[in-house]
C-alpha atoms as a PDB file:
ATOM      1  CA  MET A   1      -6.470   0.196  10.438  1.00  0.00           C
ATOM      2  CA  ALA A   2      -8.505   3.369  10.079  1.00  0.00           C
ATOM      3  CA  SER A   3     -11.154   5.541  11.666  1.00  0.00           C
ATOM      4  CA  HIS A   4     -13.623   6.675   9.015  1.00  0.00           C
ATOM      5  CA  SER A   5     -15.153   9.210  11.387  1.00  0.00           C
ATOM      6  CA  GLY A   6     -11.934  11.185  11.032  1.00  0.00           C
ATOM      7  CA  LEU A   7     -11.486  11.261  14.806  1.00  0.00           C
ATOM      8  CA  PRO A   8      -8.727   9.135  16.374  1.00  0.00           C
ATOM      9  CA  ASP A   9     -10.134   6.437  18.642  1.00  0.00           C
ATOM     10  CA  LEU A  10      -6.905   5.943  20.542  1.00  0.00           C
ATOM     11  CA  PRO A  11      -8.096   3.530  23.300  1.00  0.00           C
ATOM     12  CA  ASP A  12      -9.782   1.217  20.792  1.00  0.00           C
ATOM     13  CA  HIS A  13      -6.894   1.269  18.337  1.00  0.00           C
ATOM     14  CA  VAL A  14      -4.288   0.770  21.054  1.00  0.00           C
ATOM     15  CA  ALA A  15      -6.220  -2.311  22.153  1.00  0.00           C
ATOM     16  CA  PHE A  16      -6.329  -3.472  18.519  1.00  0.00           C
ATOM     17  CA  CYS A  17      -2.556  -2.986  18.155  1.00  0.00           C
ATOM     18  CA  ARG A  18      -1.830  -4.886  21.349  1.00  0.00           C
ATOM     19  CA  ARG A  19      -4.051  -7.746  20.227  1.00  0.00           C
ATOM     20  CA  ALA A  20      -2.186  -7.822  16.912  1.00  0.00           C
ATOM     21  CA  GLU A  21       1.111  -7.983  18.798  1.00  0.00           C
ATOM     22  CA  ALA A  22      -0.188 -10.884  20.890  1.00  0.00           C
ATOM     23  CA  CYS A  23      -1.203 -12.725  17.702  1.00  0.00           C
ATOM     24  CA  GLY A  24       2.266 -12.316  16.170  1.00  0.00           C
ATOM     25  CA  ILE A  25       1.250  -9.857  13.463  1.00  0.00           C
ATOM     26  CA  GLU A  26       4.279  -7.905  12.269  1.00  0.00           C
ATOM     27  CA  SER A  27       2.754  -4.679  10.946  1.00  0.00           C
ATOM     28  CA  LEU A  28      -0.507  -2.773  10.508  1.00  0.00           C
ATOM     29  CA  LEU A  29      -1.455  -0.440   7.669  1.00  0.00           C
ATOM     30  CA  ILE A  30      -2.149   3.134   8.742  1.00  0.00           C
ATOM     31  CA  ALA A  31      -4.065   4.352   5.710  1.00  0.00           C
ATOM     32  CA  PHE A  32      -4.108   7.808   4.131  1.00  0.00           C
ATOM     33  CA  GLY A  33      -7.316   9.611   3.203  1.00  0.00           C
ATOM     34  CA  PHE A  34      -9.611  12.510   3.985  1.00  0.00           C
ATOM     35  CA  ALA A  35     -11.847  10.350   6.216  1.00  0.00           C
ATOM     36  CA  LYS A  36      -8.995   9.176   8.447  1.00  0.00           C
ATOM     37  CA  PRO A  37      -6.555  10.734  10.933  1.00  0.00           C
ATOM     38  CA  ASP A  38      -3.117  11.734   9.662  1.00  0.00           C
ATOM     39  CA  PRO A  39      -1.180   8.442   9.435  1.00  0.00           C
ATOM     40  CA  ILE A  40       2.204   9.678  10.635  1.00  0.00           C
ATOM     41  CA  GLY A  41       0.902  11.634  13.615  1.00  0.00           C
ATOM     42  CA  TYR A  42      -1.375   8.767  14.589  1.00  0.00           C
ATOM     43  CA  SER A  43       1.473   6.261  14.314  1.00  0.00           C
ATOM     44  CA  VAL A  44       3.498   8.347  16.776  1.00  0.00           C
ATOM     45  CA  ALA A  45       0.641   8.179  19.277  1.00  0.00           C
ATOM     46  CA  LEU A  46       0.077   4.446  18.817  1.00  0.00           C
ATOM     47  CA  GLY A  47       3.796   3.773  19.046  1.00  0.00           C
ATOM     48  CA  GLN A  48       3.936   5.187  22.568  1.00  0.00           C
ATOM     49  CA  HIS A  49       1.493   2.510  23.750  1.00  0.00           C
ATOM     50  CA  THR A  50       2.908  -0.543  21.931  1.00  0.00           C
ATOM     51  CA  ASP A  51       6.135  -2.525  21.965  1.00  0.00           C
ATOM     52  CA  LYS A  52       6.561  -4.625  18.824  1.00  0.00           C
ATOM     53  CA  ILE A  53       4.053  -3.804  16.117  1.00  0.00           C
ATOM     54  CA  LYS A  54       5.301  -1.878  13.079  1.00  0.00           C
ATOM     55  CA  PHE A  55       3.266   0.834  11.407  1.00  0.00           C
ATOM     56  CA  LEU A  56       2.946   0.606   7.620  1.00  0.00           C
ATOM     57  CA  VAL A  57       2.392   4.295   6.929  1.00  0.00           C
ATOM     58  CA  ALA A  58       0.671   5.180   3.655  1.00  0.00           C
ATOM     59  CA  THR A  59       2.177   8.193   1.873  1.00  0.00           C
ATOM     60  CA  ARG A  60       1.431  10.225  -1.247  1.00  0.00           C
ATOM     61  CA  SER A  61       3.910  12.369  -3.124  1.00  0.00           C
ATOM     62  CA  SER A  62       1.243  15.051  -3.602  1.00  0.00           C
ATOM     63  CA  VAL A  63       1.000  16.195   0.022  1.00  0.00           C
ATOM     64  CA  CYS A  64       4.538  17.197   1.013  1.00  0.00           C
ATOM     65  CA  ALA A  65       8.117  17.626  -0.167  1.00  0.00           C
ATOM     66  CA  PRO A  66      10.339  14.515  -0.188  1.00  0.00           C
ATOM     67  CA  THR A  67      12.798  16.049   2.279  1.00  0.00           C
ATOM     68  CA  TYR A  68       9.988  16.681   4.734  1.00  0.00           C
ATOM     69  CA  LEU A  69       8.628  13.142   4.429  1.00  0.00           C
ATOM     70  CA  VAL A  70      12.057  11.677   5.180  1.00  0.00           C
ATOM     71  CA  GLN A  71      12.300  13.971   8.203  1.00  0.00           C
ATOM     72  CA  GLN A  72       8.862  12.781   9.401  1.00  0.00           C
ATOM     73  CA  ILE A  73       9.659   9.093   8.895  1.00  0.00           C
ATOM     74  CA  ASN A  74      13.040   9.447  10.583  1.00  0.00           C
ATOM     75  CA  THR A  75      11.429  11.168  13.559  1.00  0.00           C
ATOM     76  CA  LEU A  76       8.803   8.425  13.789  1.00  0.00           C
ATOM     77  CA  SER A  77      11.545   5.805  13.726  1.00  0.00           C
ATOM     78  CA  ALA A  78      13.381   7.550  16.558  1.00  0.00           C
ATOM     79  CA  LEU A  79      10.222   7.629  18.674  1.00  0.00           C
ATOM     80  CA  THR A  80       9.256   3.998  18.038  1.00  0.00           C
ATOM     81  CA  GLY A  81      12.618   2.249  17.824  1.00  0.00           C
ATOM     82  CA  GLY A  82      12.446   1.835  14.046  1.00  0.00           C
ATOM     83  CA  ARG A  83       8.931   0.399  14.010  1.00  0.00           C
ATOM     84  CA  VAL A  84       7.874   2.018  10.744  1.00  0.00           C
ATOM     85  CA  CYS A  85       7.629   0.982   7.122  1.00  0.00           C
ATOM     86  CA  VAL A  86       6.183   2.903   4.183  1.00  0.00           C
ATOM     87  CA  ASN A  87       3.395   2.185   1.698  1.00  0.00           C
ATOM     88  CA  ILE A  88       3.784   4.302  -1.458  1.00  0.00           C
ATOM     89  CA  VAL A  89       0.401   5.247  -2.930  1.00  0.00           C
ATOM     90  CA  ALA A  90       0.283   7.328  -6.118  1.00  0.00           C
ATOM     91  CA  GLY A  91      -3.459   8.003  -5.766  1.00  0.00           C
ATOM     92  CA  ARG A  92      -6.558   6.475  -7.314  1.00  0.00           C
ATOM     93  CA  LEU A  93      -9.744   8.478  -6.643  1.00  0.00           C
ATOM     94  CA  LEU A  94      -9.706  11.690  -8.646  1.00  0.00           C
ATOM     95  CA  HIS A  95     -12.083  13.691  -6.455  1.00  0.00           C
ATOM     96  CA  GLU A  96     -10.081  12.945  -3.294  1.00  0.00           C
ATOM     97  CA  GLN A  97      -6.745  13.767  -4.896  1.00  0.00           C
ATOM     98  CA  ARG A  98      -8.144  17.165  -5.820  1.00  0.00           C
ATOM     99  CA  TYR A  99      -8.983  17.788  -2.141  1.00  0.00           C
ATOM    100  CA  TYR A 100      -5.202  17.928  -1.685  1.00  0.00           C
ATOM    101  CA  GLY A 101      -4.535  20.031  -4.772  1.00  0.00           C
ATOM    102  CA  ASP A 102      -3.435  17.135  -6.985  1.00  0.00           C
ATOM    103  CA  PHE A 103      -4.730  17.415 -10.569  1.00  0.00           C
ATOM    104  CA  LEU A 104      -2.126  15.279 -12.350  1.00  0.00           C
ATOM    105  CA  SER A 105      -3.053  12.354 -14.589  1.00  0.00           C
ATOM    106  CA  HIS A 106      -2.347   8.730 -13.639  1.00  0.00           C
ATOM    107  CA  ASP A 107       0.963   8.503 -15.513  1.00  0.00           C
ATOM    108  CA  GLU A 108       2.082  11.958 -14.380  1.00  0.00           C
ATOM    109  CA  ARG A 109       1.480  10.984 -10.739  1.00  0.00           C
ATOM    110  CA  TYR A 110       3.746   7.984 -11.159  1.00  0.00           C
ATOM    111  CA  GLN A 111       6.430  10.102 -12.843  1.00  0.00           C
ATOM    112  CA  ARG A 112       6.279  12.549  -9.934  1.00  0.00           C
ATOM    113  CA  THR A 113       6.376   9.705  -7.415  1.00  0.00           C
ATOM    114  CA  ASP A 114       9.468   8.281  -9.120  1.00  0.00           C
ATOM    115  CA  GLU A 115      11.277  11.605  -8.671  1.00  0.00           C
ATOM    116  CA  PHE A 116      10.002  11.879  -5.092  1.00  0.00           C
ATOM    117  CA  TRP A 117      11.453   8.539  -4.053  1.00  0.00           C
ATOM    118  CA  SER A 118      14.719   9.075  -5.894  1.00  0.00           C
ATOM    119  CA  ILE A 119      15.247  12.033  -3.561  1.00  0.00           C
ATOM    120  CA  CYS A 120      14.133  10.101  -0.478  1.00  0.00           C
ATOM    121  CA  HIS A 121      16.565   7.253  -1.172  1.00  0.00           C
ATOM    122  CA  ALA A 122      19.389   9.723  -1.725  1.00  0.00           C
ATOM    123  CA  LEU A 123      18.707  11.293   1.679  1.00  0.00           C
ATOM    124  CA  TRP A 124      18.637   7.890   3.396  1.00  0.00           C
ATOM    125  CA  ARG A 125      21.961   6.968   1.792  1.00  0.00           C
ATOM    126  CA  ASP A 126      23.401   9.947   3.709  1.00  0.00           C
ATOM    127  CA  ALA A 127      26.274  10.372   1.282  1.00  0.00           C
ATOM    128  CA  GLY A 128      26.313  14.153   1.633  1.00  0.00           C
ATOM    129  CA  PRO A 129      23.970  17.020   0.745  1.00  0.00           C
ATOM    130  CA  VAL A 130      21.394  16.034  -1.872  1.00  0.00           C
ATOM    131  CA  SER A 131      20.687  18.097  -4.979  1.00  0.00           C
ATOM    132  CA  PHE A 132      18.146  17.088  -7.592  1.00  0.00           C
ATOM    133  CA  THR A 133      16.569  18.727 -10.619  1.00  0.00           C
ATOM    134  CA  GLY A 134      13.627  17.081 -12.321  1.00  0.00           C
ATOM    135  CA  ARG A 135      10.276  17.887 -13.866  1.00  0.00           C
ATOM    136  CA  TYR A 136       8.426  17.998 -10.541  1.00  0.00           C
ATOM    137  CA  TYR A 137      11.101  18.668  -7.898  1.00  0.00           C
ATOM    138  CA  ARG A 138      14.152  20.804  -7.459  1.00  0.00           C
ATOM    139  CA  ILE A 139      16.211  20.216  -4.315  1.00  0.00           C
ATOM    140  CA  GLU A 140      19.450  22.013  -3.476  1.00  0.00           C
ATOM    141  CA  GLU A 141      22.003  20.797  -0.920  1.00  0.00           C
ATOM    142  CA  ALA A 142      19.362  19.055   1.227  1.00  0.00           C
ATOM    143  CA  ARG A 143      20.438  17.453   4.487  1.00  0.00           C
ATOM    144  CA  LEU A 144      18.751  16.241   7.659  1.00  0.00           C
ATOM    145  CA  ASN A 145      20.218  15.931  11.126  1.00  0.00           C
ATOM    146  CA  THR A 146      17.638  13.369  12.289  1.00  0.00           C
ATOM    147  CA  PRO A 147      18.663   9.928  10.986  1.00  0.00           C
ATOM    148  CA  PHE A 148      16.525   6.857  10.485  1.00  0.00           C
ATOM    149  CA  VAL A 149      16.808   4.946  13.757  1.00  0.00           C
ATOM    150  CA  SER A 150      16.855   1.154  13.495  1.00  0.00           C
ATOM    151  CA  GLU A 151      19.045  -1.686  14.670  1.00  0.00           C
ATOM    152  CA  ASP A 152      19.321  -3.272  11.225  1.00  0.00           C
ATOM    153  CA  SER A 153      18.595  -0.678   8.521  1.00  0.00           C
ATOM    154  CA  THR A 154      19.309   2.890   7.471  1.00  0.00           C
ATOM    155  CA  ARG A 155      15.858   3.345   5.940  1.00  0.00           C
ATOM    156  CA  PRO A 156      12.344   1.900   6.271  1.00  0.00           C
ATOM    157  CA  GLU A 157      11.114  -1.117   4.381  1.00  0.00           C
ATOM    158  CA  ILE A 158       9.152   0.218   1.407  1.00  0.00           C
ATOM    159  CA  TYR A 159       6.029  -1.135  -0.266  1.00  0.00           C
ATOM    160  CA  VAL A 160       4.225   0.026  -3.412  1.00  0.00           C
ATOM    161  CA  GLY A 161       0.500  -0.580  -3.738  1.00  0.00           C
ATOM    162  CA  GLY A 162      -0.884  -0.768  -7.275  1.00  0.00           C
ATOM    163  CA  ASN A 163      -1.934  -2.862 -10.262  1.00  0.00           C
ATOM    164  CA  SER A 164      -0.870  -0.819 -13.286  1.00  0.00           C
ATOM    165  CA  ASP A 165       2.294  -1.263 -15.315  1.00  0.00           C
ATOM    166  CA  ALA A 166       3.483   2.065 -13.885  1.00  0.00           C
ATOM    167  CA  ALA A 167       3.088   0.703 -10.341  1.00  0.00           C
ATOM    168  CA  PHE A 168       5.082  -2.399 -11.223  1.00  0.00           C
ATOM    169  CA  ALA A 169       7.902  -0.276 -12.690  1.00  0.00           C
ATOM    170  CA  LEU A 170       7.902   1.997  -9.633  1.00  0.00           C
ATOM    171  CA  ALA A 171       8.157  -1.013  -7.318  1.00  0.00           C
ATOM    172  CA  MET A 172      11.131  -2.401  -9.209  1.00  0.00           C
ATOM    173  CA  ARG A 173      12.920   0.946  -8.928  1.00  0.00           C
ATOM    174  CA  HIS A 174      12.167   1.966  -5.382  1.00  0.00           C
ATOM    175  CA  ALA A 175      10.427  -0.666  -3.255  1.00  0.00           C
ATOM    176  CA  ASP A 176      11.148  -3.871  -1.426  1.00  0.00           C
ATOM    177  CA  CYS A 177       7.700  -5.279  -2.150  1.00  0.00           C
ATOM    178  CA  LEU A 178       4.752  -4.715  -4.495  1.00  0.00           C
ATOM    179  CA  LEU A 179       1.277  -5.083  -2.977  1.00  0.00           C
ATOM    180  CA  THR A 180      -1.193  -5.939  -5.727  1.00  0.00           C
ATOM    181  CA  LEU A 181      -4.518  -7.616  -6.429  1.00  0.00           C
ATOM    182  CA  PRO A 182      -4.567 -11.337  -7.208  1.00  0.00           C
ATOM    183  CA  ASP A 183      -5.327 -13.011 -10.496  1.00  0.00           C
ATOM    184  CA  THR A 184      -5.329 -16.605 -11.691  1.00  0.00           C
ATOM    185  CA  PRO A 185      -2.015 -18.366 -10.958  1.00  0.00           C
ATOM    186  CA  ALA A 186      -1.155 -18.708 -14.657  1.00  0.00           C
ATOM    187  CA  ARG A 187      -1.609 -14.995 -15.412  1.00  0.00           C
ATOM    188  CA  MET A 188       0.169 -13.951 -12.239  1.00  0.00           C
ATOM    189  CA  ALA A 189       3.196 -16.120 -13.005  1.00  0.00           C
ATOM    190  CA  ALA A 190       3.957 -14.196 -16.197  1.00  0.00           C
ATOM    191  CA  ARG A 191       3.188 -10.737 -14.809  1.00  0.00           C
ATOM    192  CA  MET A 192       5.109 -11.105 -11.545  1.00  0.00           C
ATOM    193  CA  ARG A 193       8.215 -12.786 -12.929  1.00  0.00           C
ATOM    194  CA  PRO A 194      10.055  -9.537 -13.874  1.00  0.00           C
ATOM    195  CA  LEU A 195       9.619  -8.216 -10.313  1.00  0.00           C
ATOM    196  CA  LEU A 196      10.740 -11.439  -8.682  1.00  0.00           C
ATOM    197  CA  ASP A 197      13.756 -11.617 -10.995  1.00  0.00           C
ATOM    198  CA  THR A 198      14.950  -8.205  -9.731  1.00  0.00           C
ATOM    199  CA  GLY A 199      14.558  -9.280  -6.089  1.00  0.00           C
ATOM    200  CA  THR A 200      11.328  -7.340  -5.522  1.00  0.00           C
ATOM    201  CA  ASP A 201       8.909  -9.287  -3.354  1.00  0.00           C
ATOM    202  CA  VAL A 202       5.212  -9.503  -4.203  1.00  0.00           C
ATOM    203  CA  GLY A 203       2.343  -9.490  -1.727  1.00  0.00           C
ATOM    204  CA  LEU A 204      -1.305 -10.093  -2.576  1.00  0.00           C
ATOM    205  CA  LEU A 205      -4.136  -7.941  -1.259  1.00  0.00           C
ATOM    206  CA  VAL A 206      -6.769 -10.533  -0.446  1.00  0.00           C
ATOM    207  CA  SER A 207      -9.631 -11.322   1.878  1.00  0.00           C
ATOM    208  CA  MET A 208      -9.416 -14.875   3.154  1.00  0.00           C
ATOM    209  CA  ILE A 209     -12.383 -17.179   3.731  1.00  0.00           C
ATOM    210  CA  CYS A 210     -11.360 -20.402   5.442  1.00  0.00           C
ATOM    211  CA  ARG A 211     -13.606 -23.472   5.325  1.00  0.00           C
ATOM    212  CA  PRO A 212     -12.959 -27.232   5.560  1.00  0.00           C
ATOM    213  CA  SER A 213     -13.300 -27.635   1.774  1.00  0.00           C
ATOM    214  CA  ARG A 214     -12.922 -25.563  -1.399  1.00  0.00           C
ATOM    215  CA  ALA A 215     -16.607 -25.982  -2.212  1.00  0.00           C
ATOM    216  CA  GLU A 216     -17.656 -24.672   1.194  1.00  0.00           C
ATOM    217  CA  ALA A 217     -15.317 -21.698   0.846  1.00  0.00           C
ATOM    218  CA  ILE A 218     -16.750 -20.788  -2.554  1.00  0.00           C
ATOM    219  CA  ASP A 219     -20.296 -21.120  -1.220  1.00  0.00           C
ATOM    220  CA  ALA A 220     -19.394 -18.825   1.682  1.00  0.00           C
ATOM    221  CA  ALA A 221     -17.872 -16.275  -0.722  1.00  0.00           C
ATOM    222  CA  ASN A 222     -20.990 -16.272  -2.903  1.00  0.00           C
ATOM    223  CA  ALA A 223     -23.189 -15.887   0.170  1.00  0.00           C
ATOM    224  CA  LEU A 224     -21.133 -12.946   1.371  1.00  0.00           C
ATOM    225  CA  VAL A 225     -21.412 -11.200  -1.990  1.00  0.00           C
ATOM    226  CA  ALA A 226     -25.145 -11.866  -2.187  1.00  0.00           C
ATOM    227  CA  ALA A 227     -25.634 -10.413   1.289  1.00  0.00           C
ATOM    228  CA  ALA A 228     -23.895  -7.200   0.226  1.00  0.00           C
ATOM    229  CA  GLY A 229     -26.803  -6.524  -2.107  1.00  0.00           C
ATOM    230  CA  GLU A 230     -27.383  -4.047  -4.893  1.00  0.00           C
ATOM    231  CA  GLN A 231     -26.105  -1.100  -2.853  1.00  0.00           C
ATOM    232  CA  ALA A 232     -22.608  -2.585  -2.762  1.00  0.00           C
ATOM    233  CA  ARG A 233     -22.675  -3.125  -6.534  1.00  0.00           C
ATOM    234  CA  GLU A 234     -23.750   0.459  -7.103  1.00  0.00           C
ATOM    235  CA  LEU A 235     -21.020   1.761  -4.803  1.00  0.00           C
ATOM    236  CA  HIS A 236     -18.404  -0.318  -6.614  1.00  0.00           C
ATOM    237  CA  GLY A 237     -19.575   1.061  -9.952  1.00  0.00           C
ATOM    238  CA  SER A 238     -19.522   4.625  -8.642  1.00  0.00           C
ATOM    239  CA  MET A 239     -15.981   4.237  -7.330  1.00  0.00           C
ATOM    240  CA  ARG A 240     -14.875   2.724 -10.643  1.00  0.00           C
ATOM    241  CA  ASP A 241     -16.253   5.760 -12.494  1.00  0.00           C
ATOM    242  CA  ARG A 242     -14.203   8.120 -10.301  1.00  0.00           C
ATOM    243  CA  THR A 243     -10.792   6.559 -10.833  1.00  0.00           C
ATOM    244  CA  ASP A 244      -8.254   6.809 -13.637  1.00  0.00           C
ATOM    245  CA  SER A 245      -6.511   3.591 -12.664  1.00  0.00           C
ATOM    246  CA  PRO A 246      -6.351   1.614 -15.950  1.00  0.00           C
ATOM    247  CA  ARG A 247      -7.059  -1.792 -14.414  1.00  0.00           C
ATOM    248  CA  ALA A 248      -9.714  -0.543 -11.998  1.00  0.00           C
ATOM    249  CA  SER A 249     -11.601   1.386 -14.689  1.00  0.00           C
ATOM    250  CA  ARG A 250     -11.662  -1.707 -16.919  1.00  0.00           C
ATOM    251  CA  ALA A 251     -12.681  -4.039 -14.096  1.00  0.00           C
ATOM    252  CA  GLY A 252     -15.961  -5.829 -14.472  1.00  0.00           C
ATOM    253  CA  PRO A 253     -18.482  -6.639 -11.776  1.00  0.00           C
ATOM    254  CA  ALA A 254     -17.129 -10.139 -11.075  1.00  0.00           C
ATOM    255  CA  GLY A 255     -15.922  -9.322  -7.598  1.00  0.00           C
ATOM    256  CA  ILE A 256     -19.262  -7.937  -6.421  1.00  0.00           C
ATOM    257  CA  CYS A 257     -21.965 -10.037  -8.043  1.00  0.00           C
ATOM    258  CA  GLY A 258     -23.495 -13.347  -7.188  1.00  0.00           C
ATOM    259  CA  PRO A 259     -23.626 -16.528  -9.269  1.00  0.00           C
ATOM    260  CA  GLU A 260     -26.951 -15.554 -10.804  1.00  0.00           C
ATOM    261  CA  ARG A 261     -25.442 -12.411 -12.407  1.00  0.00           C
ATOM    262  CA  CYS A 262     -21.845 -13.335 -13.255  1.00  0.00           C
ATOM    263  CA  PRO A 263     -20.565 -15.924 -15.716  1.00  0.00           C
ATOM    264  CA  THR A 264     -18.531 -18.762 -14.244  1.00  0.00           C
ATOM    265  CA  SER A 265     -15.345 -17.522 -15.935  1.00  0.00           C
ATOM    266  CA  ALA A 266     -15.671 -14.085 -14.309  1.00  0.00           C
ATOM    267  CA  ARG A 267     -16.211 -15.559 -10.861  1.00  0.00           C
ATOM    268  CA  ARG A 268     -13.186 -17.788 -11.257  1.00  0.00           C
ATOM    269  CA  ALA A 269     -11.020 -14.821 -12.208  1.00  0.00           C
ATOM    270  CA  SER A 270     -11.848 -12.919  -9.046  1.00  0.00           C
ATOM    271  CA  ARG A 271     -12.234 -15.777  -6.576  1.00  0.00           C
ATOM    272  CA  TRP A 272      -9.372 -18.246  -6.679  1.00  0.00           C
ATOM    273  CA  SER A 273      -8.723 -20.937  -4.138  1.00  0.00           C
ATOM    274  CA  GLY A 274      -6.041 -23.558  -4.060  1.00  0.00           C
ATOM    275  CA  ARG A 275      -2.607 -24.402  -2.761  1.00  0.00           C
ATOM    276  CA  ARG A 276      -0.294 -22.888  -5.350  1.00  0.00           C
ATOM    277  CA  THR A 277       1.098 -19.385  -5.270  1.00  0.00           C
ATOM    278  CA  THR A 278       3.258 -17.510  -7.763  1.00  0.00           C
ATOM    279  CA  SER A 279       4.427 -14.722  -5.502  1.00  0.00           C
ATOM    280  CA  SER A 280       7.375 -14.724  -3.178  1.00  0.00           C
ATOM    281  CA  ARG A 281       6.951 -14.421   0.548  1.00  0.00           C
ATOM    282  CA  LEU A 282       6.936 -11.020   2.179  1.00  0.00           C
ATOM    283  CA  SER A 283      10.438 -10.751   3.531  1.00  0.00           C
ATOM    284  CA  PRO A 284      12.650  -7.831   4.559  1.00  0.00           C
ATOM    285  CA  SER A 285      15.017  -6.675   1.874  1.00  0.00           C
ATOM    286  CA  THR A 286      17.902  -4.245   1.868  1.00  0.00           C
ATOM    287  CA  ARG A 287      18.377  -4.405  -1.898  1.00  0.00           C
ATOM    288  CA  ARG A 288      17.152  -0.886  -2.671  1.00  0.00           C
ATOM    289  CA  SER A 289      19.761   1.801  -2.251  1.00  0.00           C
ATOM    290  CA  GLU A 290      18.994   4.226  -5.045  1.00  0.00           C
END
């Protein structure tokens, strides 16, 4: 859920949240980016007008100190009755990251994020003052008087969004669930198995098209892509050129071209339909403590 004008549209988004609650949706992503309101501040406002919905707050390690983020999340939990979870984003678009003073490479961002969340977990364990010395952070005797407020947890549920090997490793170390792009079932089975074996859940970032038959769904998907036109393909290519994400920069045009421009194999790789799944369900986990 986002406002690309940059201005919060509180009445409209409150109505959206209440509709989501009525439909039984558990949580909504409050995204991070220069074109959107601050996700934590906006979640506080939305939380005062809702009862059940959780706010999946996107965070980046480049914009604040880990102690301060924990303080913000704990305060949000106290104001919403624990209705907050966290989406760890290491960053993808180089030009936007530089808006916030972040000039690190892809792998360096993940190394920094690993240190960041090691400190956050230590603070949520509340085993005494936290000290940490690493390449990117130095913390001495940190403590917070505001705890995480929840009936069933001492910290928020944590998600990592990403497709690189570094994202997978980060999820296994610090998250309850990895949110990633889909692939064919056979390829996903091998790639996701190490995460599932450690108890890390996997969620797929997909757009669903529901039709009475598989053939009708595929036809609808092709029609949607064709309607997007050349402008969408150009935008996709431009975004791909401005990222250092290994998988995104290698991605072909399969996801944004019609049947006349893409080989059948490419379309199958990016548009899968069927009954099988290789990922576990999205379920709360309290496994992470470090």
